[in-house]
Amino acid sequence: MPELQSALAELASVAADCLAAAPSSAASSTDDALLEMQSRLADANRLLTATAAALAAEVSHRSRRELGYDGLAQKRGARTPEALV
């Protein structure tokens, strides 16, 4: 998990840099470059969504009903894993 945490921290930093650069980069880009950037961002978003789903599945598994109050969601004060996430 440390690799994922490190990757997420780096991703957050890169995302912040991209957000800061986006308005000027978009305004000065050609149509083709603009569409390429949008396509690459959409690809990255799909990968992030898939990663978030995998992590949510693990939260759900650790919160399964048979664990009762020892389940992750219950231990964190949430009735369901969905409420926790």
PDB file of N, CA and C in Angstrom:
ATOM      1  N   MET A   1       0.801  -1.208   0.000  1.00  0.00           N
ATOM      2  CA  MET A   1       0.000   0.000   0.000  1.00  0.00           C
ATOM      3  C   MET A   1       0.840   1.267   0.000  1.00  0.00           C
ATOM      4  N   PRO A   2       2.072   1.257   0.558  1.00  0.00           N
ATOM      5  CA  PRO A   2       2.865   2.486   0.500  1.00  0.00           C
ATOM      6  C   PRO A   2       3.099   2.971  -0.930  1.00  0.00           C
ATOM      7  N   GLU A   3       3.224   2.029  -1.892  1.00  0.00           N
ATOM      8  CA  GLU A   3       3.422   2.447  -3.283  1.00  0.00           C
ATOM      9  C   GLU A   3       2.203   3.219  -3.786  1.00  0.00           C
ATOM     10  N   LEU A   4       1.011   2.719  -3.435  1.00  0.00           N
ATOM     11  CA  LEU A   4      -0.209   3.391  -3.860  1.00  0.00           C
ATOM     12  C   LEU A   4      -0.332   4.754  -3.198  1.00  0.00           C
ATOM     13  N   GLN A   5      -0.022   4.834  -1.927  1.00  0.00           N
ATOM     14  CA  GLN A   5      -0.093   6.120  -1.233  1.00  0.00           C
ATOM     15  C   GLN A   5       0.877   7.125  -1.846  1.00  0.00           C
ATOM     16  N   SER A   6       2.068   6.666  -2.169  1.00  0.00           N
ATOM     17  CA  SER A   6       3.057   7.538  -2.801  1.00  0.00           C
ATOM     18  C   SER A   6       2.578   7.971  -4.185  1.00  0.00           C
ATOM     19  N   ALA A   7       2.024   7.031  -4.937  1.00  0.00           N
ATOM     20  CA  ALA A   7       1.520   7.353  -6.278  1.00  0.00           C
ATOM     21  C   ALA A   7       0.372   8.345  -6.200  1.00  0.00           C
ATOM     22  N   LEU A   8      -0.514   8.182  -5.205  1.00  0.00           N
ATOM     23  CA  LEU A   8      -1.636   9.111  -5.051  1.00  0.00           C
ATOM     24  C   LEU A   8      -1.157  10.512  -4.688  1.00  0.00           C
ATOM     25  N   ALA A   9      -0.139  10.590  -3.834  1.00  0.00           N
ATOM     26  CA  ALA A   9       0.411  11.898  -3.472  1.00  0.00           C
ATOM     27  C   ALA A   9       1.025  12.571  -4.698  1.00  0.00           C
ATOM     28  N   GLU A  10       1.747  11.802  -5.491  1.00  0.00           N
ATOM     29  CA  GLU A  10       2.348  12.357  -6.708  1.00  0.00           C
ATOM     30  C   GLU A  10       1.259  12.767  -7.694  1.00  0.00           C
ATOM     31  N   LEU A  11       0.228  11.944  -7.821  1.00  0.00           N
ATOM     32  CA  LEU A  11      -0.878  12.254  -8.711  1.00  0.00           C
ATOM     33  C   LEU A  11      -1.569  13.551  -8.308  1.00  0.00           C
ATOM     34  N   ALA A  12      -1.783  13.740  -7.025  1.00  0.00           N
ATOM     35  CA  ALA A  12      -2.409  14.972  -6.544  1.00  0.00           C
ATOM     36  C   ALA A  12      -1.565  16.189  -6.907  1.00  0.00           C
ATOM     37  N   SER A  13      -0.248  16.052  -6.780  1.00  0.00           N
ATOM     38  CA  SER A  13       0.653  17.147  -7.125  1.00  0.00           C
ATOM     39  C   SER A  13       0.595  17.454  -8.623  1.00  0.00           C
ATOM     40  N   VAL A  14       0.622  16.399  -9.434  1.00  0.00           N
ATOM     41  CA  VAL A  14       0.546  16.582 -10.885  1.00  0.00           C
ATOM     42  C   VAL A  14      -0.798  17.190 -11.271  1.00  0.00           C
ATOM     43  N   ALA A  15      -1.881  16.724 -10.641  1.00  0.00           N
ATOM     44  CA  ALA A  15      -3.210  17.261 -10.944  1.00  0.00           C
ATOM     45  C   ALA A  15      -3.287  18.747 -10.614  1.00  0.00           C
ATOM     46  N   ALA A  16      -2.700  19.137  -9.495  1.00  0.00           N
ATOM     47  CA  ALA A  16      -2.689  20.548  -9.123  1.00  0.00           C
ATOM     48  C   ALA A  16      -1.917  21.374 -10.146  1.00  0.00           C
ATOM     49  N   ASP A  17      -0.788  20.849 -10.604  1.00  0.00           N
ATOM     50  CA  ASP A  17      -0.005  21.538 -11.635  1.00  0.00           C
ATOM     51  C   ASP A  17      -0.803  21.665 -12.927  1.00  0.00           C
ATOM     52  N   CYS A  18      -1.501  20.591 -13.298  1.00  0.00           N
ATOM     53  CA  CYS A  18      -2.310  20.614 -14.519  1.00  0.00           C
ATOM     54  C   CYS A  18      -3.440  21.627 -14.413  1.00  0.00           C
ATOM     55  N   LEU A  19      -4.078  21.651 -13.271  1.00  0.00           N
ATOM     56  CA  LEU A  19      -5.176  22.598 -13.067  1.00  0.00           C
ATOM     57  C   LEU A  19      -4.685  24.032 -13.189  1.00  0.00           C
ATOM     58  N   ALA A  20      -3.520  24.300 -12.640  1.00  0.00           N
ATOM     59  CA  ALA A  20      -2.966  25.650 -12.701  1.00  0.00           C
ATOM     60  C   ALA A  20      -2.606  26.041 -14.134  1.00  0.00           C
ATOM     61  N   ALA A  21      -2.141  25.076 -14.913  1.00  0.00           N
ATOM     62  CA  ALA A  21      -1.695  25.362 -16.281  1.00  0.00           C
ATOM     63  C   ALA A  21      -2.826  25.293 -17.303  1.00  0.00           C
ATOM     64  N   ALA A  22      -3.926  24.654 -16.967  1.00  0.00           N
ATOM     65  CA  ALA A  22      -4.984  24.376 -17.945  1.00  0.00           C
ATOM     66  C   ALA A  22      -5.533  25.607 -18.658  1.00  0.00           C
ATOM     67  N   PRO A  23      -5.907  26.662 -17.958  1.00  0.00           N
ATOM     68  CA  PRO A  23      -6.516  27.785 -18.684  1.00  0.00           C
ATOM     69  C   PRO A  23      -5.605  28.377 -19.757  1.00  0.00           C
ATOM     70  N   SER A  24      -4.352  28.643 -19.430  1.00  0.00           N
ATOM     71  CA  SER A  24      -3.461  29.239 -20.423  1.00  0.00           C
ATOM     72  C   SER A  24      -3.079  28.236 -21.507  1.00  0.00           C
ATOM     73  N   SER A  25      -2.882  26.974 -21.121  1.00  0.00           N
ATOM     74  CA  SER A  25      -2.541  25.954 -22.113  1.00  0.00           C
ATOM     75  C   SER A  25      -3.691  25.730 -23.088  1.00  0.00           C
ATOM     76  N   ALA A  26      -4.894  25.687 -22.562  1.00  0.00           N
ATOM     77  CA  ALA A  26      -6.059  25.463 -23.420  1.00  0.00           C
ATOM     78  C   ALA A  26      -6.236  26.625 -24.390  1.00  0.00           C
ATOM     79  N   ALA A  27      -6.085  27.831 -23.888  1.00  0.00           N
ATOM     80  CA  ALA A  27      -6.304  29.007 -24.725  1.00  0.00           C
ATOM     81  C   ALA A  27      -5.282  29.127 -25.849  1.00  0.00           C
ATOM     82  N   SER A  28      -4.056  28.672 -25.600  1.00  0.00           N
ATOM     83  CA  SER A  28      -3.005  28.828 -26.602  1.00  0.00           C
ATOM     84  C   SER A  28      -2.785  27.579 -27.451  1.00  0.00           C
ATOM     85  N   SER A  29      -3.580  26.542 -27.252  1.00  0.00           N
ATOM     86  CA  SER A  29      -3.402  25.283 -27.983  1.00  0.00           C
ATOM     87  C   SER A  29      -4.130  25.300 -29.315  1.00  0.00           C
ATOM     88  N   THR A  30      -3.614  24.494 -30.226  1.00  0.00           N
ATOM     89  CA  THR A  30      -4.336  24.276 -31.482  1.00  0.00           C
ATOM     90  C   THR A  30      -5.552  23.402 -31.181  1.00  0.00           C
ATOM     91  N   ASP A  31      -6.452  23.321 -32.125  1.00  0.00           N
ATOM     92  CA  ASP A  31      -7.630  22.470 -31.950  1.00  0.00           C
ATOM     93  C   ASP A  31      -7.213  21.018 -31.699  1.00  0.00           C
ATOM     94  N   ASP A  32      -6.267  20.529 -32.518  1.00  0.00           N
ATOM     95  CA  ASP A  32      -5.821  19.142 -32.372  1.00  0.00           C
ATOM     96  C   ASP A  32      -5.160  18.902 -31.019  1.00  0.00           C
ATOM     97  N   ALA A  33      -4.344  19.829 -30.573  1.00  0.00           N
ATOM     98  CA  ALA A  33      -3.672  19.681 -29.281  1.00  0.00           C
ATOM     99  C   ALA A  33      -4.689  19.717 -28.142  1.00  0.00           C
ATOM    100  N   LEU A  34      -5.671  20.599 -28.259  1.00  0.00           N
ATOM    101  CA  LEU A  34      -6.713  20.698 -27.244  1.00  0.00           C
ATOM    102  C   LEU A  34      -7.482  19.384 -27.128  1.00  0.00           C
ATOM    103  N   LEU A  35      -7.861  18.825 -28.285  1.00  0.00           N
ATOM    104  CA  LEU A  35      -8.591  17.554 -28.266  1.00  0.00           C
ATOM    105  C   LEU A  35      -7.719  16.408 -27.761  1.00  0.00           C
ATOM    106  N   GLU A  36      -6.437  16.431 -28.068  1.00  0.00           N
ATOM    107  CA  GLU A  36      -5.516  15.408 -27.563  1.00  0.00           C
ATOM    108  C   GLU A  36      -5.403  15.496 -26.044  1.00  0.00           C
ATOM    109  N   MET A  37      -5.272  16.701 -25.514  1.00  0.00           N
ATOM    110  CA  MET A  37      -5.205  16.860 -24.052  1.00  0.00           C
ATOM    111  C   MET A  37      -6.486  16.360 -23.401  1.00  0.00           C
ATOM    112  N   GLN A  38      -7.638  16.688 -23.995  1.00  0.00           N
ATOM    113  CA  GLN A  38      -8.914  16.240 -23.442  1.00  0.00           C
ATOM    114  C   GLN A  38      -9.010  14.728 -23.473  1.00  0.00           C
ATOM    115  N   SER A  39      -8.557  14.113 -24.545  1.00  0.00           N
ATOM    116  CA  SER A  39      -8.581  12.654 -24.669  1.00  0.00           C
ATOM    117  C   SER A  39      -7.681  11.994 -23.619  1.00  0.00           C
ATOM    118  N   ARG A  40      -6.488  12.532 -23.440  1.00  0.00           N
ATOM    119  CA  ARG A  40      -5.566  11.975 -22.445  1.00  0.00           C
ATOM    120  C   ARG A  40      -6.124  12.132 -21.039  1.00  0.00           C
ATOM    121  N   LEU A  41      -6.757  13.258 -20.769  1.00  0.00           N
ATOM    122  CA  LEU A  41      -7.365  13.468 -19.466  1.00  0.00           C
ATOM    123  C   LEU A  41      -8.525  12.491 -19.241  1.00  0.00           C
ATOM    124  N   ALA A  42      -9.329  12.259 -20.266  1.00  0.00           N
ATOM    125  CA  ALA A  42     -10.438  11.300 -20.152  1.00  0.00           C
ATOM    126  C   ALA A  42      -9.902   9.893 -19.895  1.00  0.00           C
ATOM    127  N   ASP A  43      -8.818   9.512 -20.564  1.00  0.00           N
ATOM    128  CA  ASP A  43      -8.194   8.208 -20.320  1.00  0.00           C
ATOM    129  C   ASP A  43      -7.721   8.091 -18.878  1.00  0.00           C
ATOM    130  N   ALA A  44      -7.071   9.132 -18.380  1.00  0.00           N
ATOM    131  CA  ALA A  44      -6.584   9.133 -17.000  1.00  0.00           C
ATOM    132  C   ALA A  44      -7.755   9.058 -16.025  1.00  0.00           C
ATOM    133  N   ASN A  45      -8.833   9.760 -16.340  1.00  0.00           N
ATOM    134  CA  ASN A  45     -10.014   9.739 -15.477  1.00  0.00           C
ATOM    135  C   ASN A  45     -10.614   8.337 -15.408  1.00  0.00           C
ATOM    136  N   ARG A  46     -10.646   7.627 -16.541  1.00  0.00           N
ATOM    137  CA  ARG A  46     -11.165   6.256 -16.532  1.00  0.00           C
ATOM    138  C   ARG A  46     -10.304   5.358 -15.658  1.00  0.00           C
ATOM    139  N   LEU A  47      -8.990   5.521 -15.722  1.00  0.00           N
ATOM    140  CA  LEU A  47      -8.094   4.728 -14.878  1.00  0.00           C
ATOM    141  C   LEU A  47      -8.290   5.051 -13.399  1.00  0.00           C
ATOM    142  N   LEU A  48      -8.454   6.324 -13.086  1.00  0.00           N
ATOM    143  CA  LEU A  48      -8.710   6.718 -11.699  1.00  0.00           C
ATOM    144  C   LEU A  48     -10.036   6.155 -11.194  1.00  0.00           C
ATOM    145  N   THR A  49     -11.048   6.182 -12.036  1.00  0.00           N
ATOM    146  CA  THR A  49     -12.347   5.643 -11.655  1.00  0.00           C
ATOM    147  C   THR A  49     -12.253   4.141 -11.400  1.00  0.00           C
ATOM    148  N   ALA A  50     -11.503   3.437 -12.232  1.00  0.00           N
ATOM    149  CA  ALA A  50     -11.315   1.995 -12.026  1.00  0.00           C
ATOM    150  C   ALA A  50     -10.570   1.721 -10.725  1.00  0.00           C
ATOM    151  N   THR A  51      -9.570   2.533 -10.424  1.00  0.00           N
ATOM    152  CA  THR A  51      -8.829   2.375  -9.165  1.00  0.00           C
ATOM    153  C   THR A  51      -9.730   2.657  -7.979  1.00  0.00           C
ATOM    154  N   ALA A  52     -10.532   3.701  -8.059  1.00  0.00           N
ATOM    155  CA  ALA A  52     -11.461   4.026  -6.974  1.00  0.00           C
ATOM    156  C   ALA A  52     -12.454   2.891  -6.763  1.00  0.00           C
ATOM    157  N   ALA A  53     -12.915   2.274  -7.842  1.00  0.00           N
ATOM    158  CA  ALA A  53     -13.854   1.151  -7.721  1.00  0.00           C
ATOM    159  C   ALA A  53     -13.193  -0.044  -7.041  1.00  0.00           C
ATOM    160  N   ALA A  54     -11.944  -0.310  -7.378  1.00  0.00           N
ATOM    161  CA  ALA A  54     -11.221  -1.422  -6.749  1.00  0.00           C
ATOM    162  C   ALA A  54     -11.052  -1.175  -5.251  1.00  0.00           C
ATOM    163  N   LEU A  55     -10.725   0.049  -4.881  1.00  0.00           N
ATOM    164  CA  LEU A  55     -10.572   0.375  -3.462  1.00  0.00           C
ATOM    165  C   LEU A  55     -11.919   0.303  -2.736  1.00  0.00           C
ATOM    166  N   ALA A  56     -12.976   0.766  -3.375  1.00  0.00           N
ATOM    167  CA  ALA A  56     -14.314   0.694  -2.774  1.00  0.00           C
ATOM    168  C   ALA A  56     -14.743  -0.758  -2.585  1.00  0.00           C
ATOM    169  N   ALA A  57     -14.365  -1.623  -3.529  1.00  0.00           N
ATOM    170  CA  ALA A  57     -14.682  -3.047  -3.390  1.00  0.00           C
ATOM    171  C   ALA A  57     -13.983  -3.640  -2.168  1.00  0.00           C
ATOM    172  N   GLU A  58     -12.759  -3.231  -1.921  1.00  0.00           N
ATOM    173  CA  GLU A  58     -12.034  -3.728  -0.742  1.00  0.00           C
ATOM    174  C   GLU A  58     -12.665  -3.201   0.545  1.00  0.00           C
ATOM    175  N   VAL A  59     -13.093  -1.950   0.535  1.00  0.00           N
ATOM    176  CA  VAL A  59     -13.799  -1.401   1.702  1.00  0.00           C
ATOM    177  C   VAL A  59     -15.069  -2.219   1.945  1.00  0.00           C
ATOM    178  N   SER A  60     -15.799  -2.536   0.890  1.00  0.00           N
ATOM    179  CA  SER A  60     -17.011  -3.334   1.010  1.00  0.00           C
ATOM    180  C   SER A  60     -16.707  -4.720   1.569  1.00  0.00           C
ATOM    181  N   HIS A  61     -15.650  -5.328   1.061  1.00  0.00           N
ATOM    182  CA  HIS A  61     -15.259  -6.657   1.551  1.00  0.00           C
ATOM    183  C   HIS A  61     -14.911  -6.610   3.034  1.00  0.00           C
ATOM    184  N   ARG A  62     -14.191  -5.610   3.449  1.00  0.00           N
ATOM    185  CA  ARG A  62     -13.803  -5.488   4.857  1.00  0.00           C
ATOM    186  C   ARG A  62     -14.960  -5.056   5.747  1.00  0.00           C
ATOM    187  N   SER A  63     -16.073  -4.692   5.131  1.00  0.00           N
ATOM    188  CA  SER A  63     -17.254  -4.250   5.879  1.00  0.00           C
ATOM    189  C   SER A  63     -18.406  -5.249   5.759  1.00  0.00           C
ATOM    190  N   ARG A  64     -18.140  -6.435   5.248  1.00  0.00           N
ATOM    191  CA  ARG A  64     -19.221  -7.389   5.000  1.00  0.00           C
ATOM    192  C   ARG A  64     -19.999  -7.704   6.277  1.00  0.00           C
ATOM    193  N   ARG A  65     -21.253  -8.023   6.057  1.00  0.00           N
ATOM    194  CA  ARG A  65     -22.220  -8.198   7.141  1.00  0.00           C
ATOM    195  C   ARG A  65     -21.760  -9.188   8.202  1.00  0.00           C
ATOM    196  N   GLU A  66     -21.153 -10.295   7.792  1.00  0.00           N
ATOM    197  CA  GLU A  66     -20.770 -11.316   8.776  1.00  0.00           C
ATOM    198  C   GLU A  66     -19.705 -10.855   9.764  1.00  0.00           C
ATOM    199  N   LEU A  67     -19.047  -9.746   9.464  1.00  0.00           N
ATOM    200  CA  LEU A  67     -18.063  -9.211  10.405  1.00  0.00           C
ATOM    201  C   LEU A  67     -18.720  -8.394  11.515  1.00  0.00           C
ATOM    202  N   GLY A  68     -19.981  -8.042  11.306  1.00  0.00           N
ATOM    203  CA  GLY A  68     -20.722  -7.287  12.324  1.00  0.00           C
ATOM    204  C   GLY A  68     -20.010  -6.004  12.708  1.00  0.00           C
ATOM    205  N   TYR A  69     -19.889  -5.792  14.012  1.00  0.00           N
ATOM    206  CA  TYR A  69     -19.268  -4.552  14.495  1.00  0.00           C
ATOM    207  C   TYR A  69     -17.751  -4.523  14.299  1.00  0.00           C
ATOM    208  N   ASP A  70     -17.172  -5.644  13.886  1.00  0.00           N
ATOM    209  CA  ASP A  70     -15.744  -5.671  13.581  1.00  0.00           C
ATOM    210  C   ASP A  70     -15.456  -5.272  12.138  1.00  0.00           C
ATOM    211  N   GLY A  71     -16.503  -5.071  11.350  1.00  0.00           N
ATOM    212  CA  GLY A  71     -16.329  -4.646   9.965  1.00  0.00           C
ATOM    213  C   GLY A  71     -15.811  -3.217   9.890  1.00  0.00           C
ATOM    214  N   LEU A  72     -15.134  -2.914   8.815  1.00  0.00           N
ATOM    215  CA  LEU A  72     -14.514  -1.596   8.649  1.00  0.00           C
ATOM    216  C   LEU A  72     -15.523  -0.456   8.784  1.00  0.00           C
ATOM    217  N   ALA A  73     -16.639  -0.543   8.074  1.00  0.00           N
ATOM    218  CA  ALA A  73     -17.621   0.548   8.123  1.00  0.00           C
ATOM    219  C   ALA A  73     -18.140   0.744   9.543  1.00  0.00           C
ATOM    220  N   GLN A  74     -18.496  -0.338  10.197  1.00  0.00           N
ATOM    221  CA  GLN A  74     -19.030  -0.247  11.560  1.00  0.00           C
ATOM    222  C   GLN A  74     -17.997   0.343  12.515  1.00  0.00           C
ATOM    223  N   LYS A  75     -16.751  -0.104  12.373  1.00  0.00           N
ATOM    224  CA  LYS A  75     -15.696   0.419  13.257  1.00  0.00           C
ATOM    225  C   LYS A  75     -15.487   1.910  13.056  1.00  0.00           C
ATOM    226  N   ARG A  76     -15.780   2.394  11.856  1.00  0.00           N
ATOM    227  CA  ARG A  76     -15.592   3.826  11.567  1.00  0.00           C
ATOM    228  C   ARG A  76     -16.863   4.629  11.750  1.00  0.00           C
ATOM    229  N   GLY A  77     -17.917   3.987  12.288  1.00  0.00           N
ATOM    230  CA  GLY A  77     -19.137   4.713  12.605  1.00  0.00           C
ATOM    231  C   GLY A  77     -20.137   4.839  11.470  1.00  0.00           C
ATOM    232  N   ALA A  78     -19.975   4.053  10.424  1.00  0.00           N
ATOM    233  CA  ALA A  78     -20.908   4.097   9.293  1.00  0.00           C
ATOM    234  C   ALA A  78     -21.726   2.811   9.269  1.00  0.00           C
ATOM    235  N   ARG A  79     -22.980   2.901   8.898  1.00  0.00           N
ATOM    236  CA  ARG A  79     -23.826   1.709   8.842  1.00  0.00           C
ATOM    237  C   ARG A  79     -23.442   0.804   7.688  1.00  0.00           C
ATOM    238  N   THR A  80     -23.047   1.397   6.571  1.00  0.00           N
ATOM    239  CA  THR A  80     -22.752   0.621   5.369  1.00  0.00           C
ATOM    240  C   THR A  80     -21.420   1.077   4.765  1.00  0.00           C
ATOM    241  N   PRO A  81     -20.814   0.211   3.935  1.00  0.00           N
ATOM    242  CA  PRO A  81     -19.590   0.642   3.262  1.00  0.00           C
ATOM    243  C   PRO A  81     -19.829   1.824   2.321  1.00  0.00           C
ATOM    244  N   GLU A  82     -21.014   1.871   1.733  1.00  0.00           N
ATOM    245  CA  GLU A  82     -21.332   2.993   0.835  1.00  0.00           C
ATOM    246  C   GLU A  82     -21.338   4.309   1.607  1.00  0.00           C
ATOM    247  N   ALA A  83     -21.891   4.275   2.819  1.00  0.00           N
ATOM    248  CA  ALA A  83     -21.901   5.490   3.640  1.00  0.00           C
ATOM    249  C   ALA A  83     -20.491   5.879   4.058  1.00  0.00           C
ATOM    250  N   LEU A  84     -19.654   4.877   4.270  1.00  0.00           N
ATOM    251  CA  LEU A  84     -18.265   5.161   4.659  1.00  0.00           C
ATOM    252  C   LEU A  84     -17.496   5.789   3.510  1.00  0.00           C
ATOM    253  N   VAL A  85     -17.660   5.222   2.322  1.00  0.00           N
ATOM    254  CA  VAL A  85     -16.937   5.729   1.149  1.00  0.00           C
ATOM    255  C   VAL A  85     -17.522   7.049   0.726  1.00  0.00           C
TER     256      VAL A  85
END
